[in-house]
C-alpha atoms as a PDB file:
ATOM      1  CA  MET A   1      -5.499 -35.611 -12.040  1.00  0.00           C
ATOM      2  CA  LYS A   2      -3.977 -32.516 -12.762  1.00  0.00           C
ATOM      3  CA  ALA A   3      -3.989 -30.721  -9.276  1.00  0.00           C
ATOM      4  CA  ALA A   4      -2.608 -34.167  -7.774  1.00  0.00           C
ATOM      5  CA  GLN A   5       0.151 -34.288  -9.891  1.00  0.00           C
ATOM      6  CA  ALA A   6       1.267 -30.471  -9.421  1.00  0.00           C
ATOM      7  CA  PRO A   7       2.797 -31.081  -5.876  1.00  0.00           C
ATOM      8  CA  LYS A   8       5.219 -33.979  -7.365  1.00  0.00           C
ATOM      9  CA  ARG A   9       6.528 -31.833 -10.022  1.00  0.00           C
ATOM     10  CA  ARG A  10       7.202 -29.123  -7.302  1.00  0.00           C
ATOM     11  CA  GLY A  11       9.003 -31.806  -4.886  1.00  0.00           C
ATOM     12  CA  ALA A  12      10.633 -33.285  -7.991  1.00  0.00           C
ATOM     13  CA  GLY A  13      12.013 -29.955  -8.926  1.00  0.00           C
ATOM     14  CA  LEU A  14      13.332 -29.288  -5.351  1.00  0.00           C
ATOM     15  CA  THR A  15      15.148 -32.815  -5.276  1.00  0.00           C
ATOM     16  CA  ARG A  16      17.054 -31.954  -8.609  1.00  0.00           C
ATOM     17  CA  ARG A  17      18.134 -28.626  -6.915  1.00  0.00           C
ATOM     18  CA  PRO A  18      18.666 -29.229  -3.261  1.00  0.00           C
ATOM     19  CA  TRP A  19      21.347 -26.099  -3.443  1.00  0.00           C
ATOM     20  CA  TRP A  20      18.340 -23.689  -4.327  1.00  0.00           C
ATOM     21  CA  PRO A  21      16.765 -22.575  -0.950  1.00  0.00           C
ATOM     22  CA  ALA A  22      20.508 -22.076   0.513  1.00  0.00           C
ATOM     23  CA  ALA A  23      21.543 -20.190  -2.663  1.00  0.00           C
ATOM     24  CA  LYS A  24      18.534 -17.825  -2.535  1.00  0.00           C
ATOM     25  CA  ARG A  25      18.979 -17.036   1.189  1.00  0.00           C
ATOM     26  CA  THR A  26      22.602 -16.111   0.488  1.00  0.00           C
ATOM     27  CA  LEU A  27      21.426 -13.904  -2.537  1.00  0.00           C
ATOM     28  CA  LEU A  28      19.098 -12.159  -0.527  1.00  0.00           C
ATOM     29  CA  VAL A  29      21.714 -11.869   2.596  1.00  0.00           C
ATOM     30  CA  ALA A  30      24.160 -10.397   0.141  1.00  0.00           C
ATOM     31  CA  PHE A  31      21.413  -8.125  -1.883  1.00  0.00           C
ATOM     32  CA  PHE A  32      20.704  -6.232   1.567  1.00  0.00           C
ATOM     33  CA  ALA A  33      24.262  -6.260   2.637  1.00  0.00           C
ATOM     34  CA  LEU A  34      24.998  -4.278  -0.768  1.00  0.00           C
ATOM     35  CA  VAL A  35      21.940  -1.939   0.064  1.00  0.00           C
ATOM     36  CA  GLY A  36      23.406  -1.563   3.582  1.00  0.00           C
ATOM     37  CA  TRP A  37      26.750  -0.553   2.225  1.00  0.00           C
ATOM     38  CA  LEU A  38      25.539   2.087  -0.588  1.00  0.00           C
ATOM     39  CA  LEU A  39      23.397   3.551   2.066  1.00  0.00           C
ATOM     40  CA  TYR A  40      26.495   3.796   4.495  1.00  0.00           C
ATOM     41  CA  GLU A  41      28.668   5.214   1.429  1.00  0.00           C
ATOM     42  CA  GLN A  42      25.709   7.942   0.904  1.00  0.00           C
ATOM     43  CA  ALA A  43      25.221   8.707   4.556  1.00  0.00           C
ATOM     44  CA  ARG A  44      29.068   9.486   5.010  1.00  0.00           C
ATOM     45  CA  GLU A  45      28.746  12.320   2.383  1.00  0.00           C
ATOM     46  CA  ILE A  46      25.727  13.962   4.350  1.00  0.00           C
ATOM     47  CA  GLU A  47      26.029  16.855   6.919  1.00  0.00           C
ATOM     48  CA  TRP A  48      23.889  15.711   9.574  1.00  0.00           C
ATOM     49  CA  SER A  49      23.945  18.483  11.607  1.00  0.00           C
ATOM     50  CA  GLN A  50      22.837  20.806   9.053  1.00  0.00           C
ATOM     51  CA  VAL A  51      20.007  18.136   8.142  1.00  0.00           C
ATOM     52  CA  GLY A  52      18.909  18.734  11.789  1.00  0.00           C
ATOM     53  CA  ALA A  53      19.133  22.285  11.910  1.00  0.00           C
ATOM     54  CA  THR A  54      16.982  22.566   9.110  1.00  0.00           C
ATOM     55  CA  LEU A  55      14.462  20.412  10.463  1.00  0.00           C
ATOM     56  CA  ALA A  56      14.682  22.671  13.651  1.00  0.00           C
ATOM     57  CA  ARG A  57      14.012  25.837  11.354  1.00  0.00           C
ATOM     58  CA  TYR A  58      10.645  24.341  10.118  1.00  0.00           C
ATOM     59  CA  PRO A  59       7.566  26.570  10.815  1.00  0.00           C
ATOM     60  CA  TRP A  60       4.910  25.103  12.645  1.00  0.00           C
ATOM     61  CA  THR A  61       2.339  26.049  10.005  1.00  0.00           C
ATOM     62  CA  THR A  62       4.257  24.147   7.389  1.00  0.00           C
ATOM     63  CA  LEU A  63       4.471  20.876   9.404  1.00  0.00           C
ATOM     64  CA  ALA A  64       0.753  21.429  10.269  1.00  0.00           C
ATOM     65  CA  LEU A  65      -0.298  21.822   6.605  1.00  0.00           C
ATOM     66  CA  ALA A  66       1.771  18.598   5.848  1.00  0.00           C
ATOM     67  CA  ALA A  67       0.228  16.783   8.823  1.00  0.00           C
ATOM     68  CA  ALA A  68      -3.337  17.709   7.549  1.00  0.00           C
ATOM     69  CA  LEU A  69      -2.523  16.725   3.470  1.00  0.00           C
ATOM     70  CA  ALA A  70      -1.268  13.488   5.018  1.00  0.00           C
ATOM     71  CA  ALA A  71      -4.417  12.870   7.176  1.00  0.00           C
ATOM     72  CA  ALA A  72      -6.300  13.666   4.295  1.00  0.00           C
ATOM     73  CA  SER A  73      -4.687  10.973   2.341  1.00  0.00           C
ATOM     74  CA  HIS A  74      -4.941   8.372   4.811  1.00  0.00           C
ATOM     75  CA  ALA A  75      -8.544   8.861   5.124  1.00  0.00           C
ATOM     76  CA  ILE A  76      -8.921   8.396   1.395  1.00  0.00           C
ATOM     77  CA  TYR A  77      -7.104   5.383   1.242  1.00  0.00           C
ATOM     78  CA  SER A  78      -9.076   3.810   4.370  1.00  0.00           C
ATOM     79  CA  GLY A  79     -12.059   4.088   2.048  1.00  0.00           C
ATOM     80  CA  PHE A  80     -10.629   2.116  -0.566  1.00  0.00           C
ATOM     81  CA  ASP A  81     -11.751  -1.348   0.986  1.00  0.00           C
ATOM     82  CA  LEU A  82     -15.241   0.226   0.983  1.00  0.00           C
ATOM     83  CA  ILE A  83     -15.012  -0.124  -2.893  1.00  0.00           C
ATOM     84  CA  GLY A  84     -14.547  -3.810  -2.442  1.00  0.00           C
ATOM     85  CA  LYS A  85     -17.438  -3.927   0.091  1.00  0.00           C
ATOM     86  CA  HIS A  86     -19.642  -2.428  -2.580  1.00  0.00           C
ATOM     87  CA  TRP A  87     -17.863  -4.827  -5.333  1.00  0.00           C
ATOM     88  CA  THR A  88     -18.371  -8.121  -3.442  1.00  0.00           C
ATOM     89  CA  GLY A  89     -21.492  -7.108  -1.477  1.00  0.00           C
ATOM     90  CA  HIS A  90     -20.123  -8.389   1.774  1.00  0.00           C
ATOM     91  CA  THR A  91     -22.038  -7.149   4.951  1.00  0.00           C
ATOM     92  CA  LEU A  92     -19.315  -5.741   7.311  1.00  0.00           C
ATOM     93  CA  PRO A  93     -20.318  -2.384   8.549  1.00  0.00           C
ATOM     94  CA  VAL A  94     -18.330   0.812   7.486  1.00  0.00           C
ATOM     95  CA  ARG A  95     -17.179   1.065  11.175  1.00  0.00           C
ATOM     96  CA  GLN A  96     -15.269  -2.197  10.816  1.00  0.00           C
ATOM     97  CA  VAL A  97     -14.013  -1.795   6.983  1.00  0.00           C
ATOM     98  CA  VAL A  98     -12.347   1.347   7.474  1.00  0.00           C
ATOM     99  CA  PRO A  99     -10.021   0.828  10.386  1.00  0.00           C
ATOM    100  CA  VAL A 100      -8.898  -2.533   9.117  1.00  0.00           C
ATOM    101  CA  THR A 101      -7.971  -0.549   5.727  1.00  0.00           C
ATOM    102  CA  PHE A 102      -5.819   2.252   7.607  1.00  0.00           C
ATOM    103  CA  VAL A 103      -4.174  -0.448   9.877  1.00  0.00           C
ATOM    104  CA  SER A 104      -3.321  -2.141   6.612  1.00  0.00           C
ATOM    105  CA  TYR A 105      -2.035   0.816   4.828  1.00  0.00           C
ATOM    106  CA  ALA A 106      -0.005   2.056   7.862  1.00  0.00           C
ATOM    107  CA  PHE A 107       1.826  -1.097   8.091  1.00  0.00           C
ATOM    108  CA  ASN A 108       2.173  -1.547   4.325  1.00  0.00           C
ATOM    109  CA  LEU A 109       4.159   1.612   4.193  1.00  0.00           C
ATOM    110  CA  ASN A 110       6.303   0.706   6.487  1.00  0.00           C
ATOM    111  CA  LEU A 111       6.956  -2.988   6.674  1.00  0.00           C
ATOM    112  CA  GLY A 112       5.949  -3.760   2.605  1.00  0.00           C
ATOM    113  CA  SER A 113       2.927  -5.117   1.156  1.00  0.00           C
ATOM    114  CA  LEU A 114       3.267  -8.762   1.904  1.00  0.00           C
ATOM    115  CA  VAL A 115       3.206  -7.804   6.107  1.00  0.00           C
ATOM    116  CA  GLY A 116       0.864  -4.717   5.464  1.00  0.00           C
ATOM    117  CA  GLY A 117      -1.375  -4.573   2.735  1.00  0.00           C
ATOM    118  CA  ILE A 118      -1.951  -8.295   2.528  1.00  0.00           C
ATOM    119  CA  ALA A 119      -1.433 -10.232   5.762  1.00  0.00           C
ATOM    120  CA  PHE A 120      -3.033  -7.649   8.226  1.00  0.00           C
ATOM    121  CA  ARG A 121      -5.997  -7.731   5.832  1.00  0.00           C
ATOM    122  CA  TYR A 122      -6.429 -11.455   5.770  1.00  0.00           C
ATOM    123  CA  ARG A 123      -5.909 -11.550   9.558  1.00  0.00           C
ATOM    124  CA  LEU A 124      -8.325  -9.051  10.702  1.00  0.00           C
ATOM    125  CA  TYR A 125     -11.065  -9.522   8.290  1.00  0.00           C
ATOM    126  CA  ALA A 126     -11.041 -13.272   9.006  1.00  0.00           C
ATOM    127  CA  ARG A 127     -11.445 -12.539  12.693  1.00  0.00           C
ATOM    128  CA  LEU A 128     -14.600 -10.211  11.553  1.00  0.00           C
ATOM    129  CA  GLY A 129     -15.960 -13.402  10.045  1.00  0.00           C
ATOM    130  CA  LEU A 130     -15.262 -12.573   5.888  1.00  0.00           C
ATOM    131  CA  ASP A 131     -14.257 -15.769   4.172  1.00  0.00           C
ATOM    132  CA  ASN A 132     -10.724 -15.774   2.448  1.00  0.00           C
ATOM    133  CA  ALA A 133     -12.391 -15.575  -0.900  1.00  0.00           C
ATOM    134  CA  THR A 134     -14.286 -12.212  -0.442  1.00  0.00           C
ATOM    135  CA  THR A 135     -11.076 -11.167   1.286  1.00  0.00           C
ATOM    136  CA  THR A 136      -9.091 -11.616  -1.682  1.00  0.00           C
ATOM    137  CA  ARG A 137     -11.466  -9.832  -4.036  1.00  0.00           C
ATOM    138  CA  VAL A 138     -11.708  -6.566  -1.795  1.00  0.00           C
ATOM    139  CA  LEU A 139      -7.835  -6.688  -1.609  1.00  0.00           C
ATOM    140  CA  ALA A 140      -7.891  -7.140  -5.479  1.00  0.00           C
ATOM    141  CA  ALA A 141     -10.305  -3.801  -5.854  1.00  0.00           C
ATOM    142  CA  SER A 142      -8.067  -1.777  -3.397  1.00  0.00           C
ATOM    143  CA  LEU A 143      -4.940  -2.992  -5.269  1.00  0.00           C
ATOM    144  CA  VAL A 144      -6.479  -1.876  -8.732  1.00  0.00           C
ATOM    145  CA  THR A 145      -8.027   1.070  -7.147  1.00  0.00           C
ATOM    146  CA  ASN A 146      -4.482   2.300  -5.846  1.00  0.00           C
ATOM    147  CA  TRP A 147      -2.322   1.722  -9.237  1.00  0.00           C
ATOM    148  CA  LEU A 148      -5.387   3.077 -11.483  1.00  0.00           C
ATOM    149  CA  GLY A 149      -4.478   6.450 -10.107  1.00  0.00           C
ATOM    150  CA  TYR A 150      -0.837   5.655 -10.597  1.00  0.00           C
ATOM    151  CA  LEU A 151      -0.971   4.660 -14.151  1.00  0.00           C
ATOM    152  CA  ALA A 152      -2.894   7.556 -14.816  1.00  0.00           C
ATOM    153  CA  LEU A 153      -0.964  10.127 -13.079  1.00  0.00           C
ATOM    154  CA  ALA A 154       2.350   8.733 -13.993  1.00  0.00           C
ATOM    155  CA  GLY A 155       1.453   8.431 -17.745  1.00  0.00           C
ATOM    156  CA  VAL A 156       0.491  11.890 -17.983  1.00  0.00           C
ATOM    157  CA  VAL A 157       3.745  13.384 -16.115  1.00  0.00           C
ATOM    158  CA  PHE A 158       6.137  10.952 -17.786  1.00  0.00           C
ATOM    159  CA  ALA A 159       4.540  11.305 -21.372  1.00  0.00           C
ATOM    160  CA  LEU A 160       4.778  15.082 -20.966  1.00  0.00           C
ATOM    161  CA  GLY A 161       8.558  14.739 -20.115  1.00  0.00           C
ATOM    162  CA  ILE A 162       7.992  16.886 -16.841  1.00  0.00           C
ATOM    163  CA  VAL A 163      10.622  14.645 -15.042  1.00  0.00           C
ATOM    164  CA  THR A 164      14.057  14.296 -16.939  1.00  0.00           C
ATOM    165  CA  PRO A 165      16.172  11.444 -15.922  1.00  0.00           C
ATOM    166  CA  PRO A 166      19.724  12.352 -15.101  1.00  0.00           C
ATOM    167  CA  GLU A 167      22.528  11.498 -17.072  1.00  0.00           C
ATOM    168  CA  GLY A 168      23.726   7.721 -16.563  1.00  0.00           C
ATOM    169  CA  TRP A 169      20.330   6.278 -15.838  1.00  0.00           C
ATOM    170  CA  LYS A 170      19.401   3.244 -17.751  1.00  0.00           C
ATOM    171  CA  ILE A 171      15.997   4.874 -18.581  1.00  0.00           C
ATOM    172  CA  GLY A 172      16.492   7.944 -20.889  1.00  0.00           C
ATOM    173  CA  ALA A 173      14.015  11.028 -21.432  1.00  0.00           C
ATOM    174  CA  LEU A 174      12.620   9.370 -24.663  1.00  0.00           C
ATOM    175  CA  ALA A 175      12.394   6.003 -22.996  1.00  0.00           C
ATOM    176  CA  LEU A 176      10.497   7.605 -20.089  1.00  0.00           C
ATOM    177  CA  ARG A 177       8.093   9.395 -22.222  1.00  0.00           C
ATOM    178  CA  GLY A 178       7.379   6.225 -24.243  1.00  0.00           C
ATOM    179  CA  LEU A 179       6.886   4.439 -20.603  1.00  0.00           C
ATOM    180  CA  GLY A 180       4.238   6.927 -19.614  1.00  0.00           C
ATOM    181  CA  ALA A 181       2.501   6.715 -22.750  1.00  0.00           C
ATOM    182  CA  GLY A 182       2.173   3.010 -21.978  1.00  0.00           C
ATOM    183  CA  LEU A 183       1.141   3.399 -18.767  1.00  0.00           C
ATOM    184  CA  LEU A 184      -1.742   5.943 -19.742  1.00  0.00           C
ATOM    185  CA  PHE A 185      -2.589   3.448 -22.172  1.00  0.00           C
ATOM    186  CA  VAL A 186      -3.362   0.954 -19.613  1.00  0.00           C
ATOM    187  CA  ALA A 187      -5.220   3.046 -17.706  1.00  0.00           C
ATOM    188  CA  LEU A 188      -7.486   4.154 -20.195  1.00  0.00           C
ATOM    189  CA  ALA A 189      -7.710   0.570 -21.586  1.00  0.00           C
ATOM    190  CA  TYR A 190      -8.957  -0.682 -18.299  1.00  0.00           C
ATOM    191  CA  LEU A 191     -11.927   2.102 -18.051  1.00  0.00           C
ATOM    192  CA  LEU A 192     -12.865   1.535 -21.488  1.00  0.00           C
ATOM    193  CA  LEU A 193     -13.328  -2.297 -20.570  1.00  0.00           C
ATOM    194  CA  CYS A 194     -15.146  -1.786 -17.979  1.00  0.00           C
ATOM    195  CA  ALA A 195     -17.584   0.823 -20.006  1.00  0.00           C
ATOM    196  CA  PHE A 196     -17.766  -1.443 -22.883  1.00  0.00           C
ATOM    197  CA  SER A 197     -16.538  -5.119 -22.461  1.00  0.00           C
ATOM    198  CA  LYS A 198     -19.520  -7.795 -23.035  1.00  0.00           C
ATOM    199  CA  ARG A 199     -17.154 -10.029 -21.295  1.00  0.00           C
ATOM    200  CA  ARG A 200     -17.363  -9.026 -17.485  1.00  0.00           C
ATOM    201  CA  GLU A 201     -15.259 -11.999 -15.753  1.00  0.00           C
ATOM    202  CA  TRP A 202     -11.513 -13.074 -16.415  1.00  0.00           C
ATOM    203  CA  SER A 203      -9.221 -15.732 -15.234  1.00  0.00           C
ATOM    204  CA  VAL A 204      -5.511 -15.133 -14.471  1.00  0.00           C
ATOM    205  CA  ARG A 205      -3.475 -18.264 -13.421  1.00  0.00           C
ATOM    206  CA  GLY A 206      -6.710 -19.858 -11.765  1.00  0.00           C
ATOM    207  CA  HIS A 207      -7.742 -16.740 -10.213  1.00  0.00           C
ATOM    208  CA  SER A 208     -10.964 -15.014 -11.722  1.00  0.00           C
ATOM    209  CA  PHE A 209     -11.298 -11.199 -11.831  1.00  0.00           C
ATOM    210  CA  GLU A 210     -14.525  -9.433 -12.129  1.00  0.00           C
ATOM    211  CA  LEU A 211     -14.568  -6.229 -14.071  1.00  0.00           C
ATOM    212  CA  PRO A 212     -16.468  -3.631 -12.074  1.00  0.00           C
ATOM    213  CA  PRO A 213     -19.206  -1.225 -13.568  1.00  0.00           C
ATOM    214  CA  LEU A 214     -18.029   1.959 -15.365  1.00  0.00           C
ATOM    215  CA  ARG A 215     -19.423   4.448 -12.255  1.00  0.00           C
ATOM    216  CA  LEU A 216     -17.153   2.149 -10.082  1.00  0.00           C
ATOM    217  CA  ALA A 217     -14.273   2.356 -12.103  1.00  0.00           C
ATOM    218  CA  LEU A 218     -14.531   6.017 -12.578  1.00  0.00           C
ATOM    219  CA  LEU A 219     -14.661   6.159  -8.450  1.00  0.00           C
ATOM    220  CA  GLN A 220     -11.655   4.374  -8.221  1.00  0.00           C
ATOM    221  CA  PHE A 221      -9.868   6.375 -10.611  1.00  0.00           C
ATOM    222  CA  GLY A 222     -10.811   9.323  -8.824  1.00  0.00           C
ATOM    223  CA  VAL A 223      -9.952   8.695  -5.249  1.00  0.00           C
ATOM    224  CA  SER A 224      -6.424   7.054  -6.554  1.00  0.00           C
ATOM    225  CA  THR A 225      -5.415  10.054  -8.568  1.00  0.00           C
ATOM    226  CA  LEU A 226      -6.638  12.459  -5.490  1.00  0.00           C
ATOM    227  CA  ASN A 227      -4.799  10.188  -3.018  1.00  0.00           C
ATOM    228  CA  TRP A 228      -1.572  10.093  -5.012  1.00  0.00           C
ATOM    229  CA  SER A 229      -2.005  13.919  -5.489  1.00  0.00           C
ATOM    230  CA  LEU A 230      -2.244  14.567  -1.801  1.00  0.00           C
ATOM    231  CA  ILE A 231       0.916  12.489  -0.655  1.00  0.00           C
ATOM    232  CA  ALA A 232       3.045  14.642  -3.442  1.00  0.00           C
ATOM    233  CA  GLY A 233       1.226  17.492  -1.832  1.00  0.00           C
ATOM    234  CA  VAL A 234       2.985  16.680   1.368  1.00  0.00           C
ATOM    235  CA  VAL A 235       6.485  16.331  -0.077  1.00  0.00           C
ATOM    236  CA  PHE A 236       5.919  19.820  -1.871  1.00  0.00           C
ATOM    237  CA  VAL A 237       4.766  21.745   1.160  1.00  0.00           C
ATOM    238  CA  LEU A 238       7.942  20.228   3.022  1.00  0.00           C
ATOM    239  CA  LEU A 239       9.911  21.407   0.309  1.00  0.00           C
ATOM    240  CA  GLY A 240       8.988  25.004   0.852  1.00  0.00           C
ATOM    241  CA  GLN A 241       7.114  25.092  -2.526  1.00  0.00           C
ATOM    242  CA  ARG A 242      10.324  25.866  -4.195  1.00  0.00           C
ATOM    243  CA  ILE A 243       9.764  23.224  -6.852  1.00  0.00           C
ATOM    244  CA  ASP A 244       6.940  23.010  -9.099  1.00  0.00           C
ATOM    245  CA  TYR A 245       4.213  20.872  -7.892  1.00  0.00           C
ATOM    246  CA  PRO A 246       4.223  18.800 -11.350  1.00  0.00           C
ATOM    247  CA  VAL A 247       7.936  17.986 -11.000  1.00  0.00           C
ATOM    248  CA  VAL A 248       7.538  16.775  -7.312  1.00  0.00           C
ATOM    249  CA  LEU A 249       4.836  14.681  -8.218  1.00  0.00           C
ATOM    250  CA  GLY A 250       6.643  12.971 -11.006  1.00  0.00           C
ATOM    251  CA  VAL A 251       9.758  12.475  -8.723  1.00  0.00           C
ATOM    252  CA  LEU A 252       7.538  11.177  -6.153  1.00  0.00           C
ATOM    253  CA  LEU A 253       5.809   8.572  -8.641  1.00  0.00           C
ATOM    254  CA  LEU A 254       9.346   7.423  -9.808  1.00  0.00           C
ATOM    255  CA  ALA A 255      10.550   7.007  -6.462  1.00  0.00           C
ATOM    256  CA  ALA A 256       7.146   5.005  -5.505  1.00  0.00           C
ATOM    257  CA  VAL A 257       7.821   2.213  -8.483  1.00  0.00           C
ATOM    258  CA  ALA A 258      11.449   2.129  -7.577  1.00  0.00           C
ATOM    259  CA  GLY A 259      10.805   0.930  -4.073  1.00  0.00           C
ATOM    260  CA  VAL A 260       8.131  -1.362  -5.337  1.00  0.00           C
ATOM    261  CA  VAL A 261      10.949  -3.015  -7.545  1.00  0.00           C
ATOM    262  CA  ALA A 262      13.481  -2.933  -4.803  1.00  0.00           C
ATOM    263  CA  HIS A 263      11.174  -4.706  -2.637  1.00  0.00           C
ATOM    264  CA  ILE A 264      12.748  -2.629   0.425  1.00  0.00           C
ATOM    265  CA  PRO A 265       9.884  -1.905   3.053  1.00  0.00           C
ATOM    266  CA  ALA A 266       9.007   1.592   3.150  1.00  0.00           C
ATOM    267  CA  GLY A 267      11.441   2.373   0.190  1.00  0.00           C
ATOM    268  CA  LEU A 268      14.129   3.172   2.470  1.00  0.00           C
ATOM    269  CA  GLY A 269      16.896   4.665   0.730  1.00  0.00           C
ATOM    270  CA  VAL A 270      15.225   4.545  -2.275  1.00  0.00           C
ATOM    271  CA  LEU A 271      13.104   7.505  -2.079  1.00  0.00           C
ATOM    272  CA  GLU A 272      15.636   9.819  -0.828  1.00  0.00           C
ATOM    273  CA  ALA A 273      17.983   8.409  -3.444  1.00  0.00           C
ATOM    274  CA  VAL A 274      15.717   9.125  -6.455  1.00  0.00           C
ATOM    275  CA  PHE A 275      15.127  12.638  -4.886  1.00  0.00           C
ATOM    276  CA  VAL A 276      18.875  13.307  -4.295  1.00  0.00           C
ATOM    277  CA  ALA A 277      19.435  12.323  -8.155  1.00  0.00           C
ATOM    278  CA  LEU A 278      16.825  14.287  -9.849  1.00  0.00           C
ATOM    279  CA  LEU A 279      16.384  17.425  -7.536  1.00  0.00           C
ATOM    280  CA  GLY A 280      19.902  17.439  -5.905  1.00  0.00           C
ATOM    281  CA  GLY A 281      20.864  20.275  -8.228  1.00  0.00           C
ATOM    282  CA  GLN A 282      18.174  22.662  -7.335  1.00  0.00           C
ATOM    283  CA  ILE A 283      18.230  22.309  -3.623  1.00  0.00           C
ATOM    284  CA  ALA A 284      20.701  21.686  -1.076  1.00  0.00           C
ATOM    285  CA  LYS A 285      21.209  18.056  -0.139  1.00  0.00           C
ATOM    286  CA  PRO A 286      20.953  18.811   3.479  1.00  0.00           C
ATOM    287  CA  GLU A 287      17.248  20.655   2.954  1.00  0.00           C
ATOM    288  CA  LEU A 288      16.339  18.157   0.569  1.00  0.00           C
ATOM    289  CA  LEU A 289      17.160  15.259   3.046  1.00  0.00           C
ATOM    290  CA  ALA A 290      15.514  17.194   5.909  1.00  0.00           C
ATOM    291  CA  ALA A 291      12.216  17.478   4.009  1.00  0.00           C
ATOM    292  CA  LEU A 292      12.130  14.006   3.353  1.00  0.00           C
ATOM    293  CA  ILE A 293      12.987  13.007   6.932  1.00  0.00           C
ATOM    294  CA  ALA A 294      10.121  15.050   8.062  1.00  0.00           C
ATOM    295  CA  TYR A 295       8.083  13.179   5.181  1.00  0.00           C
ATOM    296  CA  ARG A 296       8.652   9.838   6.691  1.00  0.00           C
ATOM    297  CA  ALA A 297       7.865  10.974  10.309  1.00  0.00           C
ATOM    298  CA  ILE A 298       4.744  12.533   8.864  1.00  0.00           C
ATOM    299  CA  TYR A 299       3.221  10.314   6.508  1.00  0.00           C
ATOM    300  CA  TYR A 300       4.969   6.980   7.699  1.00  0.00           C
ATOM    301  CA  LEU A 301       5.950   6.774  11.217  1.00  0.00           C
ATOM    302  CA  ALA A 302       2.983   8.765  13.080  1.00  0.00           C
ATOM    303  CA  PRO A 303       0.350   6.980  11.235  1.00  0.00           C
ATOM    304  CA  LEU A 304       2.055   3.609  12.004  1.00  0.00           C
ATOM    305  CA  ALA A 305       2.142   4.598  15.939  1.00  0.00           C
ATOM    306  CA  ILE A 306      -1.891   5.210  15.385  1.00  0.00           C
ATOM    307  CA  ALA A 307      -2.158   1.946  13.799  1.00  0.00           C
ATOM    308  CA  ILE A 308      -0.625  -0.170  16.349  1.00  0.00           C
ATOM    309  CA  VAL A 309      -3.238   1.179  18.968  1.00  0.00           C
ATOM    310  CA  VAL A 310      -6.206   0.784  16.336  1.00  0.00           C
ATOM    311  CA  TYR A 311      -5.116  -2.767  15.523  1.00  0.00           C
ATOM    312  CA  LEU A 312      -4.797  -3.753  19.054  1.00  0.00           C
ATOM    313  CA  ARG A 313      -8.117  -2.449  19.795  1.00  0.00           C
ATOM    314  CA  LEU A 314      -9.588  -4.531  16.537  1.00  0.00           C
ATOM    315  CA  GLU A 315      -8.085  -7.464  18.114  1.00  0.00           C
ATOM    316  CA  ALA A 316      -9.397  -7.102  21.649  1.00  0.00           C
ATOM    317  CA  GLY A 317     -12.683  -6.408  19.771  1.00  0.00           C
ATOM    318  CA  ALA A 318     -12.633  -9.381  17.717  1.00  0.00           C
ATOM    319  CA  LYS A 319     -11.647 -11.539  20.897  1.00  0.00           C
ATOM    320  CA  LYS A 320     -14.638 -10.331  22.789  1.00  0.00           C
ATOM    321  CA  SER A 321     -16.896 -11.040  20.094  1.00  0.00           C
ATOM    322  CA  ARG A 322     -15.715 -14.535  19.500  1.00  0.00           C
ATOM    323  CA  GLN A 323     -16.085 -14.861  23.523  1.00  0.00           C
ATOM    324  CA  ALA A 324     -19.712 -13.716  23.270  1.00  0.00           C
ATOM    325  CA  ASN A 325     -20.385 -15.995  20.395  1.00  0.00           C
ATOM    326  CA  GLN A 326     -19.081 -19.057  21.786  1.00  0.00           C
ATOM    327  CA  ALA A 327     -21.131 -18.084  25.252  1.00  0.00           C
ATOM    328  CA  GLY A 328     -24.096 -17.671  23.174  1.00  0.00           C
ATOM    329  CA  GLY A 329     -23.869 -20.801  21.308  1.00  0.00           C
ATOM    330  CA  LYS A 330     -23.370 -22.620  24.859  1.00  0.00           C
ATOM    331  CA  ARG A 331     -26.601 -21.110  26.150  1.00  0.00           C
ATOM    332  CA  ARG A 332     -28.529 -22.453  22.929  1.00  0.00           C
ATOM    333  CA  ARG A 333     -26.842 -26.016  23.262  1.00  0.00           C
ATOM    334  CA  ALA A 334     -27.420 -26.296  26.897  1.00  0.00           C
ATOM    335  CA  PRO A 335     -30.568 -28.854  27.633  1.00  0.00           C
ATOM    336  CA  ASP A 336     -33.867 -27.314  28.552  1.00  0.00           C
ATOM    337  CA  SER A 337     -34.463 -27.246  32.585  1.00  0.00           C
ATOM    338  CA  PRO A 338     -36.571 -30.151  33.885  1.00  0.00           C
ATOM    339  CA  ALA A 339     -40.398 -29.236  34.575  1.00  0.00           C
ATOM    340  CA  ARG A 340     -40.892 -28.917  38.320  1.00  0.00           C
ATOM    341  CA  PRO A 341     -43.543 -31.651  39.512  1.00  0.00           C
ATOM    342  CA  ALA A 342     -46.849 -31.032  39.941  1.00  0.00           C
ATOM    343  CA  SER A 343     -46.615 -31.128  43.739  1.00  0.00           C
ATOM    344  CA  ALA A 344     -44.129 -28.284  43.667  1.00  0.00           C
ATOM    345  CA  ARG A 345     -46.491 -26.033  41.491  1.00  0.00           C
ATOM    346  CA  GLY A 346     -49.021 -26.045  44.245  1.00  0.00           C
END
């Protein structure tokens, strides 16, 4: 009864507020127009010729090291869904799981989590024969893995006061330290629940969530903290190692959560704004922006180009597999050939 009544309540709400869909679209357009205007105003103050000159002066060894760190980060993240494979016990081989995770991550970085992290996973896993319920659990395990490391690192960095918000920010230094302590508490609470909780399954809004064993939670913690550390390492190298690594890590973590809150694909403009606000007094703006442009090219765009090729191959492989399965099914359903008459047997 309750399930049958839910659609009626939603429909009634829509009839009472027929103006809401149009208003929502208008607000969304206005929001992106405001963001575009702010980015344009900021871009007017940038000496783009100096940015280009700074990019041209990068030694190849610096770019190679940054690329190696980025490749290591993507390789580690591509293993996140293997934790979900172990957690759920599904039988897809590693050679299929890793490319799906890589493609999803690359599109997630550039187009947002709804397109990359979620839609691509469901589509690709469905084509490989994985049901939606199992895909949801794999996705949940990957999300928990990613943000567990973030909570731990951000908690430590913010609580220690390594990053100081500039004047005029709504969150002050003391509030940021309190936030860090809260994030660290959540990460530790998760590990403690995995270790000692007698109740292993929880339900949130109709979705069940099963706690992994402690050893699996520790693996989530380890790979995620390593991944976030490598991402910060890419920016640290591109900044010429002139800013202390913990500071770069803290600024990156702030920019990451700001990009998620803003819901802008790839955090476009948000990342740069946070770095300029926090580090603009220590590094010239053209040099800082040049490093961030190089970071986007190495960590976002180059993997995306590779992911497009991998995705097309995955689609082609899935199509061949379906055709082979259909052909095999037709052969199995075909009637047996009639027996030859006795006279023809000789």
